[in-house]
Amino acid sequence: MRSALRRTARGIRWYVRELTDESAYDRYVAHVRNDDPGAPVPSRREFERARADRQEEDPRQGFRCC
């Protein structure tokens, strides 16, 4: 019973992270480490700032009303 609850909780957590794109940083870090293990990896804050800047520069990437 507990293992079923844990599996369900993990599944819900995975789904919410994918839905909100919170896992994008984790995917990016895995990509950088796989491509070039010696390359510096930006912090989550740096990654999110760069992503937000890219989205604001290209209106097709996201919608910002203000």
PDB file of N, CA and C in Angstrom:
ATOM      1  N   MET A   1       0.827  -1.195   0.000  1.00  0.00           N
ATOM      2  CA  MET A   1       0.000   0.000   0.000  1.00  0.00           C
ATOM      3  C   MET A   1       0.873   1.260   0.000  1.00  0.00           C
ATOM      4  N   ARG A   2       1.904   1.282   0.861  1.00  0.00           N
ATOM      5  CA  ARG A   2       2.769   2.456   0.920  1.00  0.00           C
ATOM      6  C   ARG A   2       3.528   2.666  -0.387  1.00  0.00           C
ATOM      7  N   SER A   3       3.974   1.565  -0.988  1.00  0.00           N
ATOM      8  CA  SER A   3       4.719   1.712  -2.241  1.00  0.00           C
ATOM      9  C   SER A   3       3.815   2.264  -3.345  1.00  0.00           C
ATOM     10  N   ALA A   4       2.564   1.885  -3.334  1.00  0.00           N
ATOM     11  CA  ALA A   4       1.627   2.413  -4.325  1.00  0.00           C
ATOM     12  C   ALA A   4       1.414   3.910  -4.103  1.00  0.00           C
ATOM     13  N   LEU A   5       1.339   4.330  -2.846  1.00  0.00           N
ATOM     14  CA  LEU A   5       1.189   5.755  -2.548  1.00  0.00           C
ATOM     15  C   LEU A   5       2.434   6.535  -2.973  1.00  0.00           C
ATOM     16  N   ARG A   6       3.591   5.965  -2.720  1.00  0.00           N
ATOM     17  CA  ARG A   6       4.836   6.630  -3.123  1.00  0.00           C
ATOM     18  C   ARG A   6       4.927   6.762  -4.632  1.00  0.00           C
ATOM     19  N   ARG A   7       4.576   5.691  -5.332  1.00  0.00           N
ATOM     20  CA  ARG A   7       4.589   5.740  -6.801  1.00  0.00           C
ATOM     21  C   ARG A   7       3.624   6.803  -7.311  1.00  0.00           C
ATOM     22  N   THR A   8       2.456   6.857  -6.714  1.00  0.00           N
ATOM     23  CA  THR A   8       1.464   7.851  -7.119  1.00  0.00           C
ATOM     24  C   THR A   8       1.971   9.261  -6.836  1.00  0.00           C
ATOM     25  N   ALA A   9       2.550   9.466  -5.670  1.00  0.00           N
ATOM     26  CA  ALA A   9       3.085  10.785  -5.315  1.00  0.00           C
ATOM     27  C   ALA A   9       4.215  11.186  -6.263  1.00  0.00           C
ATOM     28  N   ARG A  10       5.098  10.240  -6.591  1.00  0.00           N
ATOM     29  CA  ARG A  10       6.181  10.530  -7.547  1.00  0.00           C
ATOM     30  C   ARG A  10       5.618  10.883  -8.912  1.00  0.00           C
ATOM     31  N   GLY A  11       4.601  10.158  -9.325  1.00  0.00           N
ATOM     32  CA  GLY A  11       3.976  10.438 -10.613  1.00  0.00           C
ATOM     33  C   GLY A  11       3.331  11.814 -10.655  1.00  0.00           C
ATOM     34  N   ILE A  12       2.652  12.177  -9.589  1.00  0.00           N
ATOM     35  CA  ILE A  12       2.023  13.495  -9.524  1.00  0.00           C
ATOM     36  C   ILE A  12       3.089  14.585  -9.515  1.00  0.00           C
ATOM     37  N   ARG A  13       4.137  14.378  -8.748  1.00  0.00           N
ATOM     38  CA  ARG A  13       5.236  15.353  -8.695  1.00  0.00           C
ATOM     39  C   ARG A  13       5.869  15.523 -10.084  1.00  0.00           C
ATOM     40  N   TRP A  14       6.132  14.410 -10.756  1.00  0.00           N
ATOM     41  CA  TRP A  14       6.705  14.468 -12.100  1.00  0.00           C
ATOM     42  C   TRP A  14       5.782  15.253 -13.034  1.00  0.00           C
ATOM     43  N   TYR A  15       4.500  14.943 -12.989  1.00  0.00           N
ATOM     44  CA  TYR A  15       3.534  15.584 -13.874  1.00  0.00           C
ATOM     45  C   TYR A  15       3.477  17.092 -13.642  1.00  0.00           C
ATOM     46  N   VAL A  16       3.428  17.507 -12.385  1.00  0.00           N
ATOM     47  CA  VAL A  16       3.354  18.932 -12.070  1.00  0.00           C
ATOM     48  C   VAL A  16       4.633  19.637 -12.504  1.00  0.00           C
ATOM     49  N   ARG A  17       5.786  19.004 -12.281  1.00  0.00           N
ATOM     50  CA  ARG A  17       7.054  19.616 -12.700  1.00  0.00           C
ATOM     51  C   ARG A  17       7.127  19.770 -14.209  1.00  0.00           C
ATOM     52  N   GLU A  18       6.636  18.775 -14.944  1.00  0.00           N
ATOM     53  CA  GLU A  18       6.624  18.871 -16.406  1.00  0.00           C
ATOM     54  C   GLU A  18       5.614  19.912 -16.877  1.00  0.00           C
ATOM     55  N   LEU A  19       4.472  19.952 -16.252  1.00  0.00           N
ATOM     56  CA  LEU A  19       3.417  20.888 -16.625  1.00  0.00           C
ATOM     57  C   LEU A  19       3.867  22.333 -16.421  1.00  0.00           C
ATOM     58  N   THR A  20       4.559  22.605 -15.324  1.00  0.00           N
ATOM     59  CA  THR A  20       5.011  23.964 -15.020  1.00  0.00           C
ATOM     60  C   THR A  20       6.385  24.257 -15.604  1.00  0.00           C
ATOM     61  N   ASP A  21       6.996  23.283 -16.240  1.00  0.00           N
ATOM     62  CA  ASP A  21       8.327  23.396 -16.856  1.00  0.00           C
ATOM     63  C   ASP A  21       9.424  23.650 -15.822  1.00  0.00           C
ATOM     64  N   GLU A  22       9.167  23.242 -14.593  1.00  0.00           N
ATOM     65  CA  GLU A  22      10.175  23.363 -13.543  1.00  0.00           C
ATOM     66  C   GLU A  22      11.353  22.434 -13.811  1.00  0.00           C
ATOM     67  N   SER A  23      11.130  21.381 -14.538  1.00  0.00           N
ATOM     68  CA  SER A  23      12.184  20.407 -14.818  1.00  0.00           C
ATOM     69  C   SER A  23      13.105  20.845 -15.957  1.00  0.00           C
ATOM     70  N   ALA A  24      12.835  21.995 -16.563  1.00  0.00           N
ATOM     71  CA  ALA A  24      13.656  22.464 -17.685  1.00  0.00           C
ATOM     72  C   ALA A  24      15.112  22.642 -17.267  1.00  0.00           C
ATOM     73  N   TYR A  25      15.338  23.167 -16.074  1.00  0.00           N
ATOM     74  CA  TYR A  25      16.712  23.364 -15.602  1.00  0.00           C
ATOM     75  C   TYR A  25      17.425  22.028 -15.436  1.00  0.00           C
ATOM     76  N   ASP A  26      16.744  21.051 -14.876  1.00  0.00           N
ATOM     77  CA  ASP A  26      17.340  19.723 -14.700  1.00  0.00           C
ATOM     78  C   ASP A  26      17.716  19.111 -16.045  1.00  0.00           C
ATOM     79  N   ARG A  27      16.837  19.250 -17.037  1.00  0.00           N
ATOM     80  CA  ARG A  27      17.145  18.742 -18.374  1.00  0.00           C
ATOM     81  C   ARG A  27      18.335  19.480 -18.982  1.00  0.00           C
ATOM     82  N   TYR A  28      18.389  20.796 -18.763  1.00  0.00           N
ATOM     83  CA  TYR A  28      19.489  21.590 -19.300  1.00  0.00           C
ATOM     84  C   TYR A  28      20.818  21.176 -18.672  1.00  0.00           C
ATOM     85  N   VAL A  29      20.841  21.016 -17.357  1.00  0.00           N
ATOM     86  CA  VAL A  29      22.076  20.599 -16.671  1.00  0.00           C
ATOM     87  C   VAL A  29      22.530  19.239 -17.180  1.00  0.00           C
ATOM     88  N   ALA A  30      21.605  18.306 -17.340  1.00  0.00           N
ATOM     89  CA  ALA A  30      21.960  16.985 -17.853  1.00  0.00           C
ATOM     90  C   ALA A  30      22.526  17.100 -19.264  1.00  0.00           C
ATOM     91  N   HIS A  31      21.947  17.961 -20.077  1.00  0.00           N
ATOM     92  CA  HIS A  31      22.428  18.169 -21.439  1.00  0.00           C
ATOM     93  C   HIS A  31      23.845  18.740 -21.442  1.00  0.00           C
ATOM     94  N   VAL A  32      24.085  19.759 -20.632  1.00  0.00           N
ATOM     95  CA  VAL A  32      25.414  20.387 -20.587  1.00  0.00           C
ATOM     96  C   VAL A  32      26.457  19.387 -20.105  1.00  0.00           C
ATOM     97  N   ARG A  33      26.130  18.656 -19.056  1.00  0.00           N
ATOM     98  CA  ARG A  33      27.091  17.689 -18.512  1.00  0.00           C
ATOM     99  C   ARG A  33      27.358  16.550 -19.480  1.00  0.00           C
ATOM    100  N   ASN A  34      26.375  16.179 -20.261  1.00  0.00           N
ATOM    101  CA  ASN A  34      26.547  15.115 -21.241  1.00  0.00           C
ATOM    102  C   ASN A  34      27.358  15.604 -22.438  1.00  0.00           C
ATOM    103  N   ASP A  35      27.074  16.825 -22.892  1.00  0.00           N
ATOM    104  CA  ASP A  35      27.750  17.390 -24.057  1.00  0.00           C
ATOM    105  C   ASP A  35      29.207  17.733 -23.768  1.00  0.00           C
ATOM    106  N   ASP A  36      29.443  18.426 -22.666  1.00  0.00           N
ATOM    107  CA  ASP A  36      30.790  18.872 -22.312  1.00  0.00           C
ATOM    108  C   ASP A  36      30.933  18.844 -20.792  1.00  0.00           C
ATOM    109  N   PRO A  37      31.415  17.733 -20.249  1.00  0.00           N
ATOM    110  CA  PRO A  37      31.486  17.589 -18.793  1.00  0.00           C
ATOM    111  C   PRO A  37      32.289  18.680 -18.089  1.00  0.00           C
ATOM    112  N   GLY A  38      33.213  19.335 -18.775  1.00  0.00           N
ATOM    113  CA  GLY A  38      34.019  20.367 -18.142  1.00  0.00           C
ATOM    114  C   GLY A  38      33.425  21.755 -18.221  1.00  0.00           C
ATOM    115  N   ALA A  39      32.335  21.911 -18.944  1.00  0.00           N
ATOM    116  CA  ALA A  39      31.724  23.231 -19.126  1.00  0.00           C
ATOM    117  C   ALA A  39      31.071  23.706 -17.835  1.00  0.00           C
ATOM    118  N   PRO A  40      31.140  25.007 -17.572  1.00  0.00           N
ATOM    119  CA  PRO A  40      30.471  25.537 -16.377  1.00  0.00           C
ATOM    120  C   PRO A  40      28.958  25.485 -16.548  1.00  0.00           C
ATOM    121  N   VAL A  41      28.281  25.167 -15.477  1.00  0.00           N
ATOM    122  CA  VAL A  41      26.819  25.087 -15.487  1.00  0.00           C
ATOM    123  C   VAL A  41      26.280  26.305 -14.752  1.00  0.00           C
ATOM    124  N   PRO A  42      25.411  27.086 -15.389  1.00  0.00           N
ATOM    125  CA  PRO A  42      24.869  28.264 -14.701  1.00  0.00           C
ATOM    126  C   PRO A  42      23.972  27.856 -13.536  1.00  0.00           C
ATOM    127  N   SER A  43      23.840  28.753 -12.586  1.00  0.00           N
ATOM    128  CA  SER A  43      22.930  28.503 -11.472  1.00  0.00           C
ATOM    129  C   SER A  43      21.499  28.518 -11.993  1.00  0.00           C
ATOM    130  N   ARG A  44      20.586  28.031 -11.184  1.00  0.00           N
ATOM    131  CA  ARG A  44      19.177  28.028 -11.589  1.00  0.00           C
ATOM    132  C   ARG A  44      18.711  29.463 -11.837  1.00  0.00           C
ATOM    133  N   ARG A  45      19.144  30.381 -11.001  1.00  0.00           N
ATOM    134  CA  ARG A  45      18.746  31.783 -11.162  1.00  0.00           C
ATOM    135  C   ARG A  45      19.235  32.338 -12.504  1.00  0.00           C
ATOM    136  N   GLU A  46      20.490  32.067 -12.840  1.00  0.00           N
ATOM    137  CA  GLU A  46      21.040  32.530 -14.116  1.00  0.00           C
ATOM    138  C   GLU A  46      20.291  31.907 -15.296  1.00  0.00           C
ATOM    139  N   PHE A  47      19.997  30.623 -15.175  1.00  0.00           N
ATOM    140  CA  PHE A  47      19.263  29.921 -16.225  1.00  0.00           C
ATOM    141  C   PHE A  47      17.879  30.533 -16.424  1.00  0.00           C
ATOM    142  N   GLU A  48      17.157  30.745 -15.329  1.00  0.00           N
ATOM    143  CA  GLU A  48      15.802  31.296 -15.425  1.00  0.00           C
ATOM    144  C   GLU A  48      15.824  32.721 -15.965  1.00  0.00           C
ATOM    145  N   ARG A  49      16.825  33.518 -15.569  1.00  0.00           N
ATOM    146  CA  ARG A  49      16.929  34.891 -16.065  1.00  0.00           C
ATOM    147  C   ARG A  49      17.164  34.893 -17.577  1.00  0.00           C
ATOM    148  N   ALA A  50      18.071  34.043 -18.036  1.00  0.00           N
ATOM    149  CA  ALA A  50      18.358  33.965 -19.471  1.00  0.00           C
ATOM    150  C   ALA A  50      17.130  33.478 -20.239  1.00  0.00           C
ATOM    151  N   ARG A  51      16.414  32.522 -19.670  1.00  0.00           N
ATOM    152  CA  ARG A  51      15.217  32.004 -20.331  1.00  0.00           C
ATOM    153  C   ARG A  51      14.136  33.073 -20.420  1.00  0.00           C
ATOM    154  N   ALA A  52      13.955  33.837 -19.339  1.00  0.00           N
ATOM    155  CA  ALA A  52      12.967  34.913 -19.339  1.00  0.00           C
ATOM    156  C   ALA A  52      13.352  35.990 -20.352  1.00  0.00           C
ATOM    157  N   ASP A  53      14.639  36.316 -20.426  1.00  0.00           N
ATOM    158  CA  ASP A  53      15.099  37.310 -21.400  1.00  0.00           C
ATOM    159  C   ASP A  53      14.822  36.850 -22.830  1.00  0.00           C
ATOM    160  N   ARG A  54      15.096  35.570 -23.107  1.00  0.00           N
ATOM    161  CA  ARG A  54      14.828  35.030 -24.452  1.00  0.00           C
ATOM    162  C   ARG A  54      13.342  35.102 -24.793  1.00  0.00           C
ATOM    163  N   GLN A  55      12.498  34.790 -23.823  1.00  0.00           N
ATOM    164  CA  GLN A  55      11.056  34.804 -24.074  1.00  0.00           C
ATOM    165  C   GLN A  55      10.553  36.220 -24.320  1.00  0.00           C
ATOM    166  N   GLU A  56      11.120  37.190 -23.627  1.00  0.00           N
ATOM    167  CA  GLU A  56      10.686  38.570 -23.817  1.00  0.00           C
ATOM    168  C   GLU A  56      11.169  39.142 -25.142  1.00  0.00           C
ATOM    169  N   GLU A  57      12.321  38.671 -25.618  1.00  0.00           N
ATOM    170  CA  GLU A  57      12.840  39.143 -26.895  1.00  0.00           C
ATOM    171  C   GLU A  57      12.034  38.616 -28.080  1.00  0.00           C
ATOM    172  N   ASP A  58      11.494  37.429 -27.959  1.00  0.00           N
ATOM    173  CA  ASP A  58      10.760  36.803 -29.052  1.00  0.00           C
ATOM    174  C   ASP A  58       9.301  36.607 -28.641  1.00  0.00           C
ATOM    175  N   PRO A  59       8.395  37.409 -29.169  1.00  0.00           N
ATOM    176  CA  PRO A  59       6.984  37.311 -28.742  1.00  0.00           C
ATOM    177  C   PRO A  59       6.344  35.964 -29.056  1.00  0.00           C
ATOM    178  N   ARG A  60       6.926  35.175 -29.954  1.00  0.00           N
ATOM    179  CA  ARG A  60       6.358  33.857 -30.251  1.00  0.00           C
ATOM    180  C   ARG A  60       6.633  32.867 -29.138  1.00  0.00           C
ATOM    181  N   GLN A  61       7.612  33.152 -28.274  1.00  0.00           N
ATOM    182  CA  GLN A  61       7.987  32.233 -27.198  1.00  0.00           C
ATOM    183  C   GLN A  61       7.047  32.311 -26.002  1.00  0.00           C
ATOM    184  N   GLY A  62       6.393  33.394 -25.809  1.00  0.00           N
ATOM    185  CA  GLY A  62       5.516  33.534 -24.658  1.00  0.00           C
ATOM    186  C   GLY A  62       4.749  34.831 -24.744  1.00  0.00           C
ATOM    187  N   PHE A  63       3.813  35.006 -23.887  1.00  0.00           N
ATOM    188  CA  PHE A  63       2.994  36.194 -23.898  1.00  0.00           C
ATOM    189  C   PHE A  63       3.248  36.989 -22.640  1.00  0.00           C
ATOM    190  N   ARG A  64       3.527  38.259 -22.850  1.00  0.00           N
ATOM    191  CA  ARG A  64       3.705  39.144 -21.707  1.00  0.00           C
ATOM    192  C   ARG A  64       2.863  40.371 -21.956  1.00  0.00           C
ATOM    193  N   CYS A  65       1.955  40.633 -21.077  1.00  0.00           N
ATOM    194  CA  CYS A  65       1.009  41.713 -21.313  1.00  0.00           C
ATOM    195  C   CYS A  65       1.550  43.077 -20.893  1.00  0.00           C
ATOM    196  N   CYS A  66       2.472  43.123 -19.970  1.00  0.00           N
ATOM    197  CA  CYS A  66       2.893  44.423 -19.417  1.00  0.00           C
ATOM    198  C   CYS A  66       4.367  44.658 -19.557  1.00  0.00           C
TER     199      CYS A  66
END
